[in-house]
PDB file of N, CA and C in Angstrom:
ATOM      1  N   MET A   1      83.713 116.351  99.706  1.00  0.00           N
ATOM      2  CA  MET A   1      83.431 115.724 100.987  1.00  0.00           C
ATOM      3  C   MET A   1      84.787 115.318 101.713  1.00  0.00           C
ATOM      4  N   ASN A   2      84.893 115.798 102.926  1.00  0.00           N
ATOM      5  CA  ASN A   2      86.103 115.433 103.683  1.00  0.00           C
ATOM      6  C   ASN A   2      85.783 114.243 104.614  1.00  0.00           C
ATOM      7  N   LYS A   3      86.694 113.796 105.462  1.00  0.00           N
ATOM      8  CA  LYS A   3      86.512 112.603 106.273  1.00  0.00           C
ATOM      9  C   LYS A   3      85.424 112.842 107.344  1.00  0.00           C
ATOM     10  N   SER A   4      85.411 114.009 107.949  1.00  0.00           N
ATOM     11  CA  SER A   4      84.394 114.293 108.999  1.00  0.00           C
ATOM     12  C   SER A   4      82.980 114.412 108.365  1.00  0.00           C
ATOM     13  N   GLU A   5      82.855 114.882 107.130  1.00  0.00           N
ATOM     14  CA  GLU A   5      81.563 114.900 106.485  1.00  0.00           C
ATOM     15  C   GLU A   5      81.106 113.471 106.109  1.00  0.00           C
ATOM     16  N   LEU A   6      82.069 112.663 105.706  1.00  0.00           N
ATOM     17  CA  LEU A   6      81.755 111.252 105.387  1.00  0.00           C
ATOM     18  C   LEU A   6      81.309 110.545 106.676  1.00  0.00           C
ATOM     19  N   ILE A   7      81.916 110.787 107.812  1.00  0.00           N
ATOM     20  CA  ILE A   7      81.461 110.184 109.112  1.00  0.00           C
ATOM     21  C   ILE A   7      80.115 110.602 109.440  1.00  0.00           C
ATOM     22  N   GLN A   8      79.878 111.918 109.305  1.00  0.00           N
ATOM     23  CA  GLN A   8      78.506 112.416 109.641  1.00  0.00           C
ATOM     24  C   GLN A   8      77.424 111.850 108.696  1.00  0.00           C
ATOM     25  N   ALA A   9      77.735 111.776 107.406  1.00  0.00           N
ATOM     26  CA  ALA A   9      76.728 111.225 106.478  1.00  0.00           C
ATOM     27  C   ALA A   9      76.453 109.724 106.739  1.00  0.00           C
ATOM     28  N   LEU A  10      77.490 108.952 107.047  1.00  0.00           N
ATOM     29  CA  LEU A  10      77.371 107.577 107.357  1.00  0.00           C
ATOM     30  C   LEU A  10      76.457 107.377 108.630  1.00  0.00           C
ATOM     31  N   ALA A  11      76.757 108.204 109.632  1.00  0.00           N
ATOM     32  CA  ALA A  11      76.001 108.134 110.916  1.00  0.00           C
ATOM     33  C   ALA A  11      74.463 108.433 110.616  1.00  0.00           C
ATOM     34  N   GLU A  12      74.256 109.465 109.853  1.00  0.00           N
ATOM     35  CA  GLU A  12      72.902 109.824 109.519  1.00  0.00           C
ATOM     36  C   GLU A  12      72.183 108.811 108.657  1.00  0.00           C
ATOM     37  N   LYS A  13      72.840 108.436 107.626  1.00  0.00           N
ATOM     38  CA  LYS A  13      72.192 107.430 106.615  1.00  0.00           C
ATOM     39  C   LYS A  13      72.009 106.105 107.282  1.00  0.00           C
ATOM     40  N   SER A  14      72.878 105.624 108.158  1.00  0.00           N
ATOM     41  CA  SER A  14      72.784 104.309 108.763  1.00  0.00           C
ATOM     42  C   SER A  14      72.101 104.417 110.116  1.00  0.00           C
ATOM     43  N   ASN A  15      71.842 105.568 110.631  1.00  0.00           N
ATOM     44  CA  ASN A  15      71.193 105.757 111.893  1.00  0.00           C
ATOM     45  C   ASN A  15      71.946 105.101 113.018  1.00  0.00           C
ATOM     46  N   ILE A  16      73.289 105.399 112.974  1.00  0.00           N
ATOM     47  CA  ILE A  16      74.189 104.896 114.052  1.00  0.00           C
ATOM     48  C   ILE A  16      74.810 106.061 114.743  1.00  0.00           C
ATOM     49  N   ASP A  17      75.397 105.688 115.863  1.00  0.00           N
ATOM     50  CA  ASP A  17      76.130 106.653 116.646  1.00  0.00           C
ATOM     51  C   ASP A  17      77.364 107.234 115.888  1.00  0.00           C
ATOM     52  N   PRO A  18      77.575 108.508 115.926  1.00  0.00           N
ATOM     53  CA  PRO A  18      78.677 109.141 115.172  1.00  0.00           C
ATOM     54  C   PRO A  18      79.991 108.501 115.539  1.00  0.00           C
ATOM     55  N   THR A  19      80.145 108.068 116.883  1.00  0.00           N
ATOM     56  CA  THR A  19      81.445 107.481 117.287  1.00  0.00           C
ATOM     57  C   THR A  19      81.642 106.165 116.623  1.00  0.00           C
ATOM     58  N   LEU A  20      80.628 105.373 116.416  1.00  0.00           N
ATOM     59  CA  LEU A  20      80.708 104.128 115.713  1.00  0.00           C
ATOM     60  C   LEU A  20      81.008 104.400 114.185  1.00  0.00           C
ATOM     61  N   ALA A  21      80.327 105.400 113.655  1.00  0.00           N
ATOM     62  CA  ALA A  21      80.628 105.747 112.229  1.00  0.00           C
ATOM     63  C   ALA A  21      82.092 106.135 112.070  1.00  0.00           C
ATOM     64  N   ARG A  22      82.574 106.976 112.990  1.00  0.00           N
ATOM     65  CA  ARG A  22      84.057 107.326 112.959  1.00  0.00           C
ATOM     66  C   ARG A  22      84.906 106.069 112.938  1.00  0.00           C
ATOM     67  N   ASP A  23      84.660 105.151 113.838  1.00  0.00           N
ATOM     68  CA  ASP A  23      85.422 103.889 113.990  1.00  0.00           C
ATOM     69  C   ASP A  23      85.391 103.113 112.685  1.00  0.00           C
ATOM     70  N   VAL A  24      84.213 103.085 112.033  1.00  0.00           N
ATOM     71  CA  VAL A  24      84.086 102.301 110.759  1.00  0.00           C
ATOM     72  C   VAL A  24      84.886 102.925 109.691  1.00  0.00           C
ATOM     73  N   VAL A  25      84.790 104.236 109.564  1.00  0.00           N
ATOM     74  CA  VAL A  25      85.519 104.968 108.486  1.00  0.00           C
ATOM     75  C   VAL A  25      86.987 104.898 108.732  1.00  0.00           C
ATOM     76  N   GLU A  26      87.446 105.107 110.038  1.00  0.00           N
ATOM     77  CA  GLU A  26      88.940 105.084 110.286  1.00  0.00           C
ATOM     78  C   GLU A  26      89.496 103.647 110.083  1.00  0.00           C
ATOM     79  N   THR A  27      88.732 102.630 110.506  1.00  0.00           N
ATOM     80  CA  THR A  27      89.205 101.289 110.302  1.00  0.00           C
ATOM     81  C   THR A  27      89.236 100.933 108.821  1.00  0.00           C
ATOM     82  N   THR A  28      88.287 101.302 108.109  1.00  0.00           N
ATOM     83  CA  THR A  28      88.278 101.030 106.671  1.00  0.00           C
ATOM     84  C   THR A  28      89.495 101.663 105.956  1.00  0.00           C
ATOM     85  N   ILE A  29      89.796 102.928 106.286  1.00  0.00           N
ATOM     86  CA  ILE A  29      90.870 103.655 105.656  1.00  0.00           C
ATOM     87  C   ILE A  29      92.192 102.992 106.090  1.00  0.00           C
ATOM     88  N   ALA A  30      92.318 102.689 107.363  1.00  0.00           N
ATOM     89  CA  ALA A  30      93.455 102.001 107.853  1.00  0.00           C
ATOM     90  C   ALA A  30      93.751 100.654 107.124  1.00  0.00           C
ATOM     91  N   MET A  31      92.720  99.886 106.903  1.00  0.00           N
ATOM     92  CA  MET A  31      92.892  98.600 106.240  1.00  0.00           C
ATOM     93  C   MET A  31      93.248  98.822 104.795  1.00  0.00           C
ATOM     94  N   MET A  32      92.698  99.815 104.098  1.00  0.00           N
ATOM     95  CA  MET A  32      93.067 100.121 102.760  1.00  0.00           C
ATOM     96  C   MET A  32      94.509 100.604 102.678  1.00  0.00           C
ATOM     97  N   LYS A  33      94.992 101.423 103.589  1.00  0.00           N
ATOM     98  CA  LYS A  33      96.355 101.849 103.604  1.00  0.00           C
ATOM     99  C   LYS A  33      97.278 100.660 103.744  1.00  0.00           C
ATOM    100  N   GLN A  34      96.997  99.775 104.648  1.00  0.00           N
ATOM    101  CA  GLN A  34      97.816  98.630 104.979  1.00  0.00           C
ATOM    102  C   GLN A  34      97.865  97.665 103.784  1.00  0.00           C
ATOM    103  N   GLN A  35      96.775  97.496 103.097  1.00  0.00           N
ATOM    104  CA  GLN A  35      96.722  96.645 101.915  1.00  0.00           C
ATOM    105  C   GLN A  35      97.658  97.231 100.799  1.00  0.00           C
ATOM    106  N   LEU A  36      97.643  98.473 100.661  1.00  0.00           N
ATOM    107  CA  LEU A  36      98.506  99.166  99.585  1.00  0.00           C
ATOM    108  C   LEU A  36      99.956  99.074 100.024  1.00  0.00           C
ATOM    109  N   MET A  37     100.249  99.319 101.345  1.00  0.00           N
ATOM    110  CA  MET A  37     101.636  99.247 101.829  1.00  0.00           C
ATOM    111  C   MET A  37     102.219  97.833 101.650  1.00  0.00           C
ATOM    112  N   ASP A  38     101.341  96.852 101.696  1.00  0.00           N
ATOM    113  CA  ASP A  38     101.773  95.428 101.568  1.00  0.00           C
ATOM    114  C   ASP A  38     101.859  95.001 100.120  1.00  0.00           C
ATOM    115  N   GLY A  39     101.589  95.959  99.239  1.00  0.00           N
ATOM    116  CA  GLY A  39     101.729  95.707  97.771  1.00  0.00           C
ATOM    117  C   GLY A  39     100.470  95.181  97.136  1.00  0.00           C
ATOM    118  N   GLY A  40      99.415  95.101  97.958  1.00  0.00           N
ATOM    119  CA  GLY A  40      98.099  94.576  97.470  1.00  0.00           C
ATOM    120  C   GLY A  40      97.341  95.548  96.665  1.00  0.00           C
ATOM    121  N   ARG A  41      96.201  95.087  96.182  1.00  0.00           N
ATOM    122  CA  ARG A  41      95.294  95.873  95.330  1.00  0.00           C
ATOM    123  C   ARG A  41      93.989  95.948  96.003  1.00  0.00           C
ATOM    124  N   ILE A  42      93.238  96.989  95.854  1.00  0.00           N
ATOM    125  CA  ILE A  42      91.907  97.200  96.382  1.00  0.00           C
ATOM    126  C   ILE A  42      90.949  97.381  95.203  1.00  0.00           C
ATOM    127  N   GLU A  43      89.866  96.574  95.172  1.00  0.00           N
ATOM    128  CA  GLU A  43      88.881  96.800  94.090  1.00  0.00           C
ATOM    129  C   GLU A  43      87.512  96.964  94.738  1.00  0.00           C
ATOM    130  N   ILE A  44      86.846  98.039  94.466  1.00  0.00           N
ATOM    131  CA  ILE A  44      85.487  98.270  94.909  1.00  0.00           C
ATOM    132  C   ILE A  44      84.608  98.291  93.671  1.00  0.00           C
ATOM    133  N   ARG A  45      83.855  97.276  93.404  1.00  0.00           N
ATOM    134  CA  ARG A  45      83.087  97.148  92.195  1.00  0.00           C
ATOM    135  C   ARG A  45      82.108  98.358  92.055  1.00  0.00           C
ATOM    136  N   GLY A  46      82.096  98.886  90.885  1.00  0.00           N
ATOM    137  CA  GLY A  46      81.215 100.070  90.626  1.00  0.00           C
ATOM    138  C   GLY A  46      81.776 101.374  91.025  1.00  0.00           C
ATOM    139  N   PHE A  47      82.942 101.355  91.696  1.00  0.00           N
ATOM    140  CA  PHE A  47      83.603 102.558  92.088  1.00  0.00           C
ATOM    141  C   PHE A  47      84.923 102.682  91.464  1.00  0.00           C
ATOM    142  N   GLY A  48      85.870 101.730  91.739  1.00  0.00           N
ATOM    143  CA  GLY A  48      87.187 101.795  91.155  1.00  0.00           C
ATOM    144  C   GLY A  48      88.148 100.871  91.888  1.00  0.00           C
ATOM    145  N   SER A  49      89.489 101.011  91.532  1.00  0.00           N
ATOM    146  CA  SER A  49      90.452 100.224  92.121  1.00  0.00           C
ATOM    147  C   SER A  49      91.661 101.051  92.503  1.00  0.00           C
ATOM    148  N   PHE A  50      92.370 100.629  93.546  1.00  0.00           N
ATOM    149  CA  PHE A  50      93.550 101.286  93.946  1.00  0.00           C
ATOM    150  C   PHE A  50      94.736 100.284  93.909  1.00  0.00           C
ATOM    151  N   GLU A  51      95.913 100.777  93.521  1.00  0.00           N
ATOM    152  CA  GLU A  51      97.107  99.877  93.485  1.00  0.00           C
ATOM    153  C   GLU A  51      98.349 100.770  93.563  1.00  0.00           C
ATOM    154  N   MET A  52      99.440 100.137  93.896  1.00  0.00           N
ATOM    155  CA  MET A  52     100.733 100.897  94.016  1.00  0.00           C
ATOM    156  C   MET A  52     101.406 100.813  92.622  1.00  0.00           C
ATOM    157  N   ARG A  53     101.995 101.888  92.248  1.00  0.00           N
ATOM    158  CA  ARG A  53     102.776 101.916  90.979  1.00  0.00           C
ATOM    159  C   ARG A  53     104.192 102.261  91.351  1.00  0.00           C
ATOM    160  N   GLU A  54     105.160 101.487  90.634  1.00  0.00           N
ATOM    161  CA  GLU A  54     106.604 101.735  90.896  1.00  0.00           C
ATOM    162  C   GLU A  54     107.145 102.769  89.872  1.00  0.00           C
ATOM    163  N   HIS A  55     107.884 103.642  90.334  1.00  0.00           N
ATOM    164  CA  HIS A  55     108.535 104.670  89.472  1.00  0.00           C
ATOM    165  C   HIS A  55     110.095 104.522  89.721  1.00  0.00           C
ATOM    166  N   GLY A  56     110.826 104.251  88.679  1.00  0.00           N
ATOM    167  CA  GLY A  56     112.276 104.096  88.805  1.00  0.00           C
ATOM    168  C   GLY A  56     112.976 105.352  89.105  1.00  0.00           C
ATOM    169  N   ALA A  57     114.165 105.320  89.445  1.00  0.00           N
ATOM    170  CA  ALA A  57     115.012 106.550  89.706  1.00  0.00           C
ATOM    171  C   ALA A  57     115.368 107.178  88.356  1.00  0.00           C
ATOM    172  N   TYR A  58     115.465 108.468  88.359  1.00  0.00           N
ATOM    173  CA  TYR A  58     115.762 109.192  87.141  1.00  0.00           C
ATOM    174  C   TYR A  58     116.583 110.498  87.533  1.00  0.00           C
ATOM    175  N   THR A  59     117.176 111.110  86.506  1.00  0.00           N
ATOM    176  CA  THR A  59     117.808 112.411  86.701  1.00  0.00           C
ATOM    177  C   THR A  59     116.880 113.514  86.228  1.00  0.00           C
ATOM    178  N   GLY A  60     116.547 114.311  87.158  1.00  0.00           N
ATOM    179  CA  GLY A  60     115.606 115.436  86.828  1.00  0.00           C
ATOM    180  C   GLY A  60     116.363 116.739  86.768  1.00  0.00           C
ATOM    181  N   ARG A  61     115.622 117.810  86.656  1.00  0.00           N
ATOM    182  CA  ARG A  61     116.219 119.124  86.594  1.00  0.00           C
ATOM    183  C   ARG A  61     115.491 120.080  87.426  1.00  0.00           C
ATOM    184  N   ASN A  62     116.277 120.859  88.270  1.00  0.00           N
ATOM    185  CA  ASN A  62     115.676 121.832  89.053  1.00  0.00           C
ATOM    186  C   ASN A  62     115.275 122.973  88.246  1.00  0.00           C
ATOM    187  N   PRO A  63     113.918 123.316  88.210  1.00  0.00           N
ATOM    188  CA  PRO A  63     113.393 124.389  87.266  1.00  0.00           C
ATOM    189  C   PRO A  63     113.943 125.717  87.502  1.00  0.00           C
ATOM    190  N   SER A  64     114.339 125.973  88.776  1.00  0.00           N
ATOM    191  CA  SER A  64     114.827 127.294  89.160  1.00  0.00           C
ATOM    192  C   SER A  64     116.298 127.539  88.687  1.00  0.00           C
ATOM    193  N   THR A  65     117.169 126.549  88.900  1.00  0.00           N
ATOM    194  CA  THR A  65     118.540 126.672  88.670  1.00  0.00           C
ATOM    195  C   THR A  65     118.979 125.945  87.371  1.00  0.00           C
ATOM    196  N   GLY A  66     118.211 124.982  86.885  1.00  0.00           N
ATOM    197  CA  GLY A  66     118.629 124.272  85.719  1.00  0.00           C
ATOM    198  C   GLY A  66     119.610 123.154  86.057  1.00  0.00           C
ATOM    199  N   GLU A  67     119.962 123.021  87.404  1.00  0.00           N
ATOM    200  CA  GLU A  67     120.851 122.013  87.868  1.00  0.00           C
ATOM    201  C   GLU A  67     120.206 120.592  87.830  1.00  0.00           C
ATOM    202  N   SER A  68     121.062 119.587  87.463  1.00  0.00           N
ATOM    203  CA  SER A  68     120.585 118.211  87.465  1.00  0.00           C
ATOM    204  C   SER A  68     120.377 117.719  88.835  1.00  0.00           C
ATOM    205  N   VAL A  69     119.347 116.952  89.041  1.00  0.00           N
ATOM    206  CA  VAL A  69     118.969 116.435  90.473  1.00  0.00           C
ATOM    207  C   VAL A  69     118.681 114.963  90.256  1.00  0.00           C
ATOM    208  N   ASP A  70     119.255 114.110  91.114  1.00  0.00           N
ATOM    209  CA  ASP A  70     118.913 112.698  91.059  1.00  0.00           C
ATOM    210  C   ASP A  70     117.658 112.468  91.886  1.00  0.00           C
ATOM    211  N   VAL A  71     116.668 111.881  91.301  1.00  0.00           N
ATOM    212  CA  VAL A  71     115.342 111.572  91.940  1.00  0.00           C
ATOM    213  C   VAL A  71     115.343 110.099  92.200  1.00  0.00           C
ATOM    214  N   LYS A  72     115.155 109.739  93.495  1.00  0.00           N
ATOM    215  CA  LYS A  72     115.054 108.384  93.896  1.00  0.00           C
ATOM    216  C   LYS A  72     113.857 107.562  93.373  1.00  0.00           C
ATOM    217  N   ALA A  73     113.986 106.312  93.320  1.00  0.00           N
ATOM    218  CA  ALA A  73     112.832 105.456  92.954  1.00  0.00           C
ATOM    219  C   ALA A  73     111.776 105.567  94.041  1.00  0.00           C
ATOM    220  N   LYS A  74     110.479 105.496  93.639  1.00  0.00           N
ATOM    221  CA  LYS A  74     109.448 105.592  94.545  1.00  0.00           C
ATOM    222  C   LYS A  74     108.224 104.793  94.173  1.00  0.00           C
ATOM    223  N   ARG A  75     107.314 104.623  95.084  1.00  0.00           N
ATOM    224  CA  ARG A  75     106.035 103.974  94.869  1.00  0.00           C
ATOM    225  C   ARG A  75     104.968 105.003  95.130  1.00  0.00           C
ATOM    226  N   THR A  76     103.937 105.015  94.286  1.00  0.00           N
ATOM    227  CA  THR A  76     102.838 105.936  94.521  1.00  0.00           C
ATOM    228  C   THR A  76     101.498 105.221  94.338  1.00  0.00           C
ATOM    229  N   PRO A  77     100.525 105.621  95.126  1.00  0.00           N
ATOM    230  CA  PRO A  77      99.223 104.973  94.981  1.00  0.00           C
ATOM    231  C   PRO A  77      98.565 105.478  93.749  1.00  0.00           C
ATOM    232  N   PHE A  78      97.802 104.640  93.049  1.00  0.00           N
ATOM    233  CA  PHE A  78      97.127 104.953  91.815  1.00  0.00           C
ATOM    234  C   PHE A  78      95.718 104.533  91.853  1.00  0.00           C
ATOM    235  N   PHE A  79      94.823 105.378  91.499  1.00  0.00           N
ATOM    236  CA  PHE A  79      93.367 105.110  91.406  1.00  0.00           C
ATOM    237  C   PHE A  79      92.851 104.986  89.986  1.00  0.00           C
ATOM    238  N   LYS A  80      92.207 103.904  89.690  1.00  0.00           N
ATOM    239  CA  LYS A  80      91.505 103.780  88.391  1.00  0.00           C
ATOM    240  C   LYS A  80      90.006 103.724  88.602  1.00  0.00           C
ATOM    241  N   CYS A  81      89.403 104.741  87.991  1.00  0.00           N
ATOM    242  CA  CYS A  81      87.919 104.776  88.128  1.00  0.00           C
ATOM    243  C   CYS A  81      87.233 103.590  87.454  1.00  0.00           C
ATOM    244  N   GLY A  82      86.208 103.083  88.150  1.00  0.00           N
ATOM    245  CA  GLY A  82      85.472 102.024  87.636  1.00  0.00           C
ATOM    246  C   GLY A  82      84.473 102.435  86.537  1.00  0.00           C
ATOM    247  N   LYS A  83      84.095 101.538  85.625  1.00  0.00           N
ATOM    248  CA  LYS A  83      83.297 101.856  84.552  1.00  0.00           C
ATOM    249  C   LYS A  83      81.910 102.411  84.895  1.00  0.00           C
ATOM    250  N   GLU A  84      81.277 101.861  85.931  1.00  0.00           N
ATOM    251  CA  GLU A  84      80.028 102.408  86.393  1.00  0.00           C
ATOM    252  C   GLU A  84      80.155 103.837  86.888  1.00  0.00           C
ATOM    253  N   LEU A  85      81.083 104.096  87.701  1.00  0.00           N
ATOM    254  CA  LEU A  85      81.240 105.480  88.199  1.00  0.00           C
ATOM    255  C   LEU A  85      81.594 106.439  87.028  1.00  0.00           C
ATOM    256  N   LEU A  86      82.474 105.998  86.135  1.00  0.00           N
ATOM    257  CA  LEU A  86      82.818 106.840  85.027  1.00  0.00           C
ATOM    258  C   LEU A  86      81.667 107.222  84.161  1.00  0.00           C
ATOM    259  N   GLU A  87      80.851 106.206  83.881  1.00  0.00           N
ATOM    260  CA  GLU A  87      79.632 106.482  83.087  1.00  0.00           C
ATOM    261  C   GLU A  87      78.667 107.418  83.829  1.00  0.00           C
ATOM    262  N   MET A  88      78.481 107.228  85.112  1.00  0.00           N
ATOM    263  CA  MET A  88      77.634 108.049  85.909  1.00  0.00           C
ATOM    264  C   MET A  88      78.084 109.556  85.883  1.00  0.00           C
ATOM    265  N   VAL A  89      79.337 109.779  86.108  1.00  0.00           N
ATOM    266  CA  VAL A  89      79.967 111.061  86.121  1.00  0.00           C
ATOM    267  C   VAL A  89      79.837 111.728  84.759  1.00  0.00           C
ATOM    268  N   ASN A  90      80.142 111.002  83.756  1.00  0.00           N
ATOM    269  CA  ASN A  90      80.064 111.603  82.391  1.00  0.00           C
ATOM    270  C   ASN A  90      78.562 111.910  82.028  1.00  0.00           C
ATOM    271  N   LYS A  91      77.617 111.086  82.477  1.00  0.00           N
ATOM    272  CA  LYS A  91      76.223 111.335  82.183  1.00  0.00           C
ATOM    273  C   LYS A  91      75.825 112.646  82.904  1.00  0.00           C
ATOM    274  N   MET A  92      76.254 112.808  84.124  1.00  0.00           N
ATOM    275  CA  MET A  92      75.865 113.979  84.900  1.00  0.00           C
ATOM    276  C   MET A  92      76.549 115.226  84.229  1.00  0.00           C
ATOM    277  N   ALA A  93      77.748 115.069  83.749  1.00  0.00           N
ATOM    278  CA  ALA A  93      78.464 116.194  83.114  1.00  0.00           C
ATOM    279  C   ALA A  93      77.719 116.580  81.843  1.00  0.00           C
ATOM    280  N   THR A  94      77.229 115.709  81.106  1.00  0.00           N
ATOM    281  CA  THR A  94      76.504 115.971  79.894  1.00  0.00           C
ATOM    282  C   THR A  94      75.183 116.628  80.214  1.00  0.00           C
ATOM    283  N   GLN A  95      74.464 116.190  81.308  1.00  0.00           N
ATOM    284  CA  GLN A  95      73.255 116.859  81.629  1.00  0.00           C
ATOM    285  C   GLN A  95      73.445 118.282  82.074  1.00  0.00           C
ATOM    286  N   THR A  96      74.503 118.480  82.883  1.00  0.00           N
ATOM    287  CA  THR A  96      74.866 119.853  83.400  1.00  0.00           C
ATOM    288  C   THR A  96      75.208 120.772  82.247  1.00  0.00           C
ATOM    289  N   THR A  97      75.980 120.300  81.263  1.00  0.00           N
ATOM    290  CA  THR A  97      76.367 121.064  80.077  1.00  0.00           C
ATOM    291  C   THR A  97      75.124 121.479  79.313  1.00  0.00           C
ATOM    292  N   ARG A  98      74.125 120.636  79.128  1.00  0.00           N
ATOM    293  CA  ARG A  98      72.927 120.969  78.392  1.00  0.00           C
ATOM    294  C   ARG A  98      72.150 122.015  79.055  1.00  0.00           C
ATOM    295  N   ILE A  99      72.123 121.994  80.427  1.00  0.00           N
ATOM    296  CA  ILE A  99      71.324 122.971  81.173  1.00  0.00           C
ATOM    297  C   ILE A  99      71.967 124.319  81.085  1.00  0.00           C
ATOM    298  N   SER A 100      73.283 124.421  81.094  1.00  0.00           N
ATOM    299  CA  SER A 100      74.025 125.691  81.224  1.00  0.00           C
ATOM    300  C   SER A 100      73.822 126.529  79.986  1.00  0.00           C
TER     301      SER A 100
END
């Protein structure tokens, strides 16, 4: 599902105008981005949590040339699946495997 499909599903499920659904989705995503950029954490019970992880600088290697390359320190967003979602996905995977 991409963003436009999410907007359409929200509009249909909630019986609201697609423009309002778009505003809700875009505002939610913007708020989540800002929370992560500010170093905060997002937790959605039953779904999972998002947080920023710090990665220190290191010396890497260019796979094409073998030359050493300095890689700068960086922050990356990290998602940890919630227990409820993980159990649901694994249950579905088990049922699909049995059918196949």
